[in-house]
Amino acid sequence: MLREHYLAPKHTTTWQALADKVGYRTGNTVNTQYGTFAGKVAKEMGIHEKPEGFWLYVLAKWATRKDAKGHTQFILRKPVREAMEQLGIR
């Protein structure tokens, strides 16, 4: 999921678009999986409280505009993109 998010135009996607890319039926599954993963990453980083109320905020932030279908878009955070690039994950 993280790689597909990185590969999205401007590193911005919706949960449903990401679900379609990785083979999940719904964006709700992406939301659950991504949130769980972000929580684990946060704890490894020594972050014990949800930033902005959501674990996801460790990896992504909300875009200011919705997509053409009215879905909320999420932008992969710059430090995450840079870390992926340093690791050769593209």
N, C-alpha and C. Protein backbone atom coordinates (compact mmCIF):
# COMPACT_ATOMS: atom_id res chain seq x y z
N MET A 1 0.81 -1.19 0.00
CA MET A 1 0.00 0.00 0.00
C MET A 1 0.86 1.26 0.00
N LEU A 2 1.87 1.24 0.84
CA LEU A 2 2.73 2.42 0.94
C LEU A 2 3.40 2.72 -0.40
N ARG A 3 3.86 1.69 -1.06
CA ARG A 3 4.50 1.88 -2.37
C ARG A 3 3.51 2.43 -3.39
N GLU A 4 2.32 1.88 -3.42
CA GLU A 4 1.30 2.37 -4.35
C GLU A 4 0.92 3.82 -4.04
N HIS A 5 0.90 4.16 -2.78
CA HIS A 5 0.62 5.55 -2.40
C HIS A 5 1.74 6.45 -2.92
N TYR A 6 2.97 6.00 -2.76
CA TYR A 6 4.12 6.75 -3.26
C TYR A 6 4.03 6.96 -4.78
N LEU A 7 3.60 5.93 -5.49
CA LEU A 7 3.55 5.98 -6.95
C LEU A 7 2.37 6.79 -7.50
N ALA A 8 1.41 7.10 -6.65
CA ALA A 8 0.24 7.87 -7.10
C ALA A 8 0.68 9.27 -7.55
N PRO A 9 -0.03 9.86 -8.51
CA PRO A 9 0.32 11.21 -8.95
C PRO A 9 0.38 12.18 -7.77
N LYS A 10 1.50 12.90 -7.68
CA LYS A 10 1.75 13.84 -6.59
C LYS A 10 1.64 13.16 -5.22
N HIS A 11 1.84 11.83 -5.20
CA HIS A 11 1.81 11.04 -3.96
C HIS A 11 0.49 11.22 -3.22
N THR A 12 -0.58 11.41 -4.00
CA THR A 12 -1.90 11.71 -3.46
C THR A 12 -2.90 10.70 -4.00
N THR A 13 -3.71 10.14 -3.10
CA THR A 13 -4.69 9.13 -3.51
C THR A 13 -5.86 9.12 -2.53
N THR A 14 -6.88 8.38 -2.89
CA THR A 14 -8.01 8.12 -1.99
C THR A 14 -7.89 6.69 -1.50
N TRP A 15 -8.61 6.38 -0.44
CA TRP A 15 -8.57 5.00 0.05
C TRP A 15 -9.13 4.04 -0.99
N GLN A 16 -10.19 4.44 -1.71
CA GLN A 16 -10.76 3.54 -2.70
C GLN A 16 -9.80 3.31 -3.86
N ALA A 17 -9.15 4.36 -4.32
CA ALA A 17 -8.17 4.21 -5.41
C ALA A 17 -7.03 3.30 -4.98
N LEU A 18 -6.60 3.45 -3.75
CA LEU A 18 -5.53 2.61 -3.22
C LEU A 18 -6.02 1.16 -3.10
N ALA A 19 -7.24 0.99 -2.66
CA ALA A 19 -7.82 -0.36 -2.56
C ALA A 19 -7.83 -1.03 -3.93
N ASP A 20 -8.22 -0.29 -4.95
CA ASP A 20 -8.25 -0.84 -6.31
C ASP A 20 -6.85 -1.28 -6.75
N LYS A 21 -5.83 -0.50 -6.39
CA LYS A 21 -4.45 -0.81 -6.78
C LYS A 21 -3.90 -2.06 -6.10
N VAL A 22 -4.28 -2.25 -4.83
CA VAL A 22 -3.69 -3.36 -4.07
C VAL A 22 -4.60 -4.58 -3.95
N GLY A 23 -5.79 -4.50 -4.52
CA GLY A 23 -6.67 -5.67 -4.56
C GLY A 23 -7.64 -5.82 -3.41
N TYR A 24 -7.89 -4.76 -2.66
CA TYR A 24 -8.93 -4.82 -1.63
C TYR A 24 -10.26 -4.40 -2.24
N ARG A 25 -11.34 -4.89 -1.67
CA ARG A 25 -12.66 -4.56 -2.20
C ARG A 25 -13.08 -3.13 -1.88
N THR A 26 -12.72 -2.65 -0.69
CA THR A 26 -13.19 -1.33 -0.29
C THR A 26 -12.07 -0.47 0.30
N GLY A 27 -12.31 0.81 0.28
CA GLY A 27 -11.38 1.74 0.90
C GLY A 27 -11.35 1.60 2.41
N ASN A 28 -12.42 1.05 2.99
CA ASN A 28 -12.44 0.85 4.44
C ASN A 28 -11.33 -0.10 4.88
N THR A 29 -11.05 -1.11 4.07
CA THR A 29 -9.98 -2.04 4.40
C THR A 29 -8.64 -1.33 4.39
N VAL A 30 -8.44 -0.47 3.40
CA VAL A 30 -7.20 0.32 3.34
C VAL A 30 -7.09 1.19 4.58
N ASN A 31 -8.16 1.84 4.94
CA ASN A 31 -8.17 2.71 6.11
C ASN A 31 -7.73 1.94 7.35
N THR A 32 -8.29 0.77 7.56
CA THR A 32 -7.94 -0.06 8.72
C THR A 32 -6.49 -0.51 8.67
N GLN A 33 -6.06 -1.03 7.53
CA GLN A 33 -4.70 -1.53 7.40
C GLN A 33 -3.67 -0.41 7.53
N TYR A 34 -3.94 0.69 6.88
CA TYR A 34 -3.01 1.83 6.90
C TYR A 34 -2.90 2.40 8.32
N GLY A 35 -4.03 2.55 8.98
CA GLY A 35 -4.03 3.07 10.34
C GLY A 35 -3.27 2.17 11.30
N THR A 36 -3.46 0.87 11.18
CA THR A 36 -2.74 -0.09 12.02
C THR A 36 -1.24 -0.01 11.77
N PHE A 37 -0.86 0.02 10.50
CA PHE A 37 0.56 0.12 10.14
C PHE A 37 1.16 1.43 10.66
N ALA A 38 0.44 2.53 10.48
CA ALA A 38 0.93 3.83 10.94
C ALA A 38 1.13 3.83 12.46
N GLY A 39 0.24 3.17 13.18
CA GLY A 39 0.39 3.07 14.63
C GLY A 39 1.65 2.33 15.02
N LYS A 40 1.96 1.26 14.30
CA LYS A 40 3.18 0.50 14.57
C LYS A 40 4.43 1.32 14.26
N VAL A 41 4.38 2.05 13.14
CA VAL A 41 5.51 2.92 12.78
C VAL A 41 5.70 3.98 13.86
N ALA A 42 4.61 4.59 14.29
CA ALA A 42 4.68 5.64 15.31
C ALA A 42 5.33 5.11 16.59
N LYS A 43 4.92 3.95 17.02
CA LYS A 43 5.47 3.38 18.25
C LYS A 43 6.96 3.09 18.10
N GLU A 44 7.38 2.63 16.93
CA GLU A 44 8.80 2.40 16.68
C GLU A 44 9.58 3.71 16.72
N MET A 45 8.91 4.80 16.37
CA MET A 45 9.54 6.12 16.38
C MET A 45 9.49 6.78 17.76
N GLY A 46 8.86 6.09 18.71
CA GLY A 46 8.74 6.64 20.05
C GLY A 46 7.57 7.58 20.22
N ILE A 47 6.64 7.56 19.28
CA ILE A 47 5.43 8.39 19.36
C ILE A 47 4.34 7.54 20.00
N HIS A 48 3.84 7.98 21.15
CA HIS A 48 2.89 7.17 21.90
C HIS A 48 1.48 7.76 21.93
N GLU A 49 1.32 8.93 21.35
CA GLU A 49 -0.01 9.52 21.24
C GLU A 49 -0.29 9.82 19.78
N LYS A 50 -1.54 9.65 19.39
CA LYS A 50 -1.93 9.86 18.00
C LYS A 50 -1.77 11.33 17.61
N PRO A 51 -0.92 11.60 16.61
CA PRO A 51 -0.79 13.00 16.14
C PRO A 51 -2.09 13.45 15.47
N GLU A 52 -2.54 14.61 15.83
CA GLU A 52 -3.78 15.16 15.25
C GLU A 52 -4.96 14.20 15.45
N GLY A 53 -4.84 13.28 16.41
CA GLY A 53 -5.93 12.35 16.71
C GLY A 53 -5.97 11.09 15.86
N PHE A 54 -4.98 10.92 14.96
CA PHE A 54 -4.98 9.76 14.06
C PHE A 54 -3.56 9.22 13.90
N TRP A 55 -3.38 7.92 14.01
CA TRP A 55 -2.06 7.33 13.74
C TRP A 55 -1.64 7.59 12.31
N LEU A 56 -2.60 7.60 11.41
CA LEU A 56 -2.30 7.80 10.00
C LEU A 56 -1.46 9.05 9.76
N TYR A 57 -1.64 10.06 10.59
CA TYR A 57 -0.95 11.33 10.39
C TYR A 57 0.57 11.19 10.42
N VAL A 58 1.07 10.07 10.94
CA VAL A 58 2.51 9.80 10.92
C VAL A 58 2.98 9.59 9.47
N LEU A 59 2.13 9.01 8.63
CA LEU A 59 2.50 8.67 7.26
C LEU A 59 1.91 9.61 6.20
N ALA A 60 0.73 10.12 6.44
CA ALA A 60 0.03 10.89 5.41
C ALA A 60 -0.74 12.03 6.05
N LYS A 61 -1.10 12.98 5.21
CA LYS A 61 -1.94 14.08 5.68
C LYS A 61 -3.11 14.22 4.70
N TRP A 62 -4.14 14.89 5.16
CA TRP A 62 -5.32 15.09 4.33
C TRP A 62 -5.04 16.16 3.29
N ALA A 63 -5.50 15.92 2.07
CA ALA A 63 -5.39 16.93 1.02
C ALA A 63 -6.47 17.99 1.25
N THR A 64 -6.25 19.13 0.69
CA THR A 64 -7.22 20.22 0.88
C THR A 64 -8.45 20.06 0.00
N ARG A 65 -8.33 19.25 -1.07
CA ARG A 65 -9.48 19.07 -1.98
C ARG A 65 -9.81 17.59 -2.09
N LYS A 66 -11.07 17.32 -2.39
CA LYS A 66 -11.51 15.95 -2.64
C LYS A 66 -11.32 15.64 -4.11
N ASP A 67 -11.39 14.36 -4.46
CA ASP A 67 -11.26 13.99 -5.87
C ASP A 67 -12.57 14.26 -6.60
N ALA A 68 -12.62 13.96 -7.88
CA ALA A 68 -13.80 14.24 -8.71
C ALA A 68 -15.05 13.50 -8.22
N LYS A 69 -14.87 12.39 -7.52
CA LYS A 69 -16.00 11.62 -7.00
C LYS A 69 -16.40 12.05 -5.59
N GLY A 70 -15.69 13.04 -5.05
CA GLY A 70 -16.01 13.53 -3.72
C GLY A 70 -15.31 12.78 -2.60
N HIS A 71 -14.35 11.90 -2.94
CA HIS A 71 -13.61 11.15 -1.93
C HIS A 71 -12.48 11.98 -1.35
N THR A 72 -12.25 11.82 -0.08
CA THR A 72 -11.13 12.49 0.59
C THR A 72 -9.82 11.94 0.04
N GLN A 73 -8.89 12.83 -0.22
CA GLN A 73 -7.57 12.43 -0.71
C GLN A 73 -6.54 12.56 0.41
N PHE A 74 -5.51 11.73 0.32
CA PHE A 74 -4.45 11.73 1.30
C PHE A 74 -3.11 11.86 0.59
N ILE A 75 -2.24 12.68 1.16
CA ILE A 75 -0.92 12.94 0.59
C ILE A 75 0.13 12.27 1.46
N LEU A 76 0.99 11.49 0.85
CA LEU A 76 2.07 10.86 1.59
C LEU A 76 3.03 11.93 2.07
N ARG A 77 3.37 11.92 3.33
CA ARG A 77 4.21 12.96 3.92
C ARG A 77 5.62 12.94 3.32
N LYS A 78 6.20 14.12 3.20
CA LYS A 78 7.53 14.26 2.60
C LYS A 78 8.60 13.42 3.30
N PRO A 79 8.67 13.38 4.64
CA PRO A 79 9.69 12.55 5.28
C PRO A 79 9.54 11.05 4.95
N VAL A 80 8.31 10.62 4.74
CA VAL A 80 8.06 9.22 4.38
C VAL A 80 8.56 8.98 2.96
N ARG A 81 8.25 9.90 2.06
CA ARG A 81 8.72 9.78 0.68
C ARG A 81 10.24 9.75 0.63
N GLU A 82 10.87 10.65 1.38
CA GLU A 82 12.33 10.72 1.39
C GLU A 82 12.95 9.44 1.96
N ALA A 83 12.35 8.91 3.00
CA ALA A 83 12.86 7.66 3.59
C ALA A 83 12.73 6.51 2.60
N MET A 84 11.61 6.46 1.90
CA MET A 84 11.42 5.41 0.90
C MET A 84 12.46 5.52 -0.21
N GLU A 85 12.73 6.73 -0.64
CA GLU A 85 13.73 6.95 -1.69
C GLU A 85 15.13 6.55 -1.22
N GLN A 86 15.45 6.88 0.02
CA GLN A 86 16.77 6.50 0.56
C GLN A 86 16.91 4.99 0.64
N LEU A 87 15.80 4.29 0.88
CA LEU A 87 15.81 2.84 0.95
C LEU A 87 15.69 2.17 -0.42
N GLY A 88 15.49 2.99 -1.45
CA GLY A 88 15.35 2.45 -2.80
C GLY A 88 13.98 1.89 -3.09
N ILE A 89 12.99 2.26 -2.30
CA ILE A 89 11.62 1.79 -2.50
C ILE A 89 10.89 2.82 -3.34
N ARG A 90 10.64 2.48 -4.58
CA ARG A 90 9.95 3.41 -5.49
C ARG A 90 8.99 2.68 -6.36
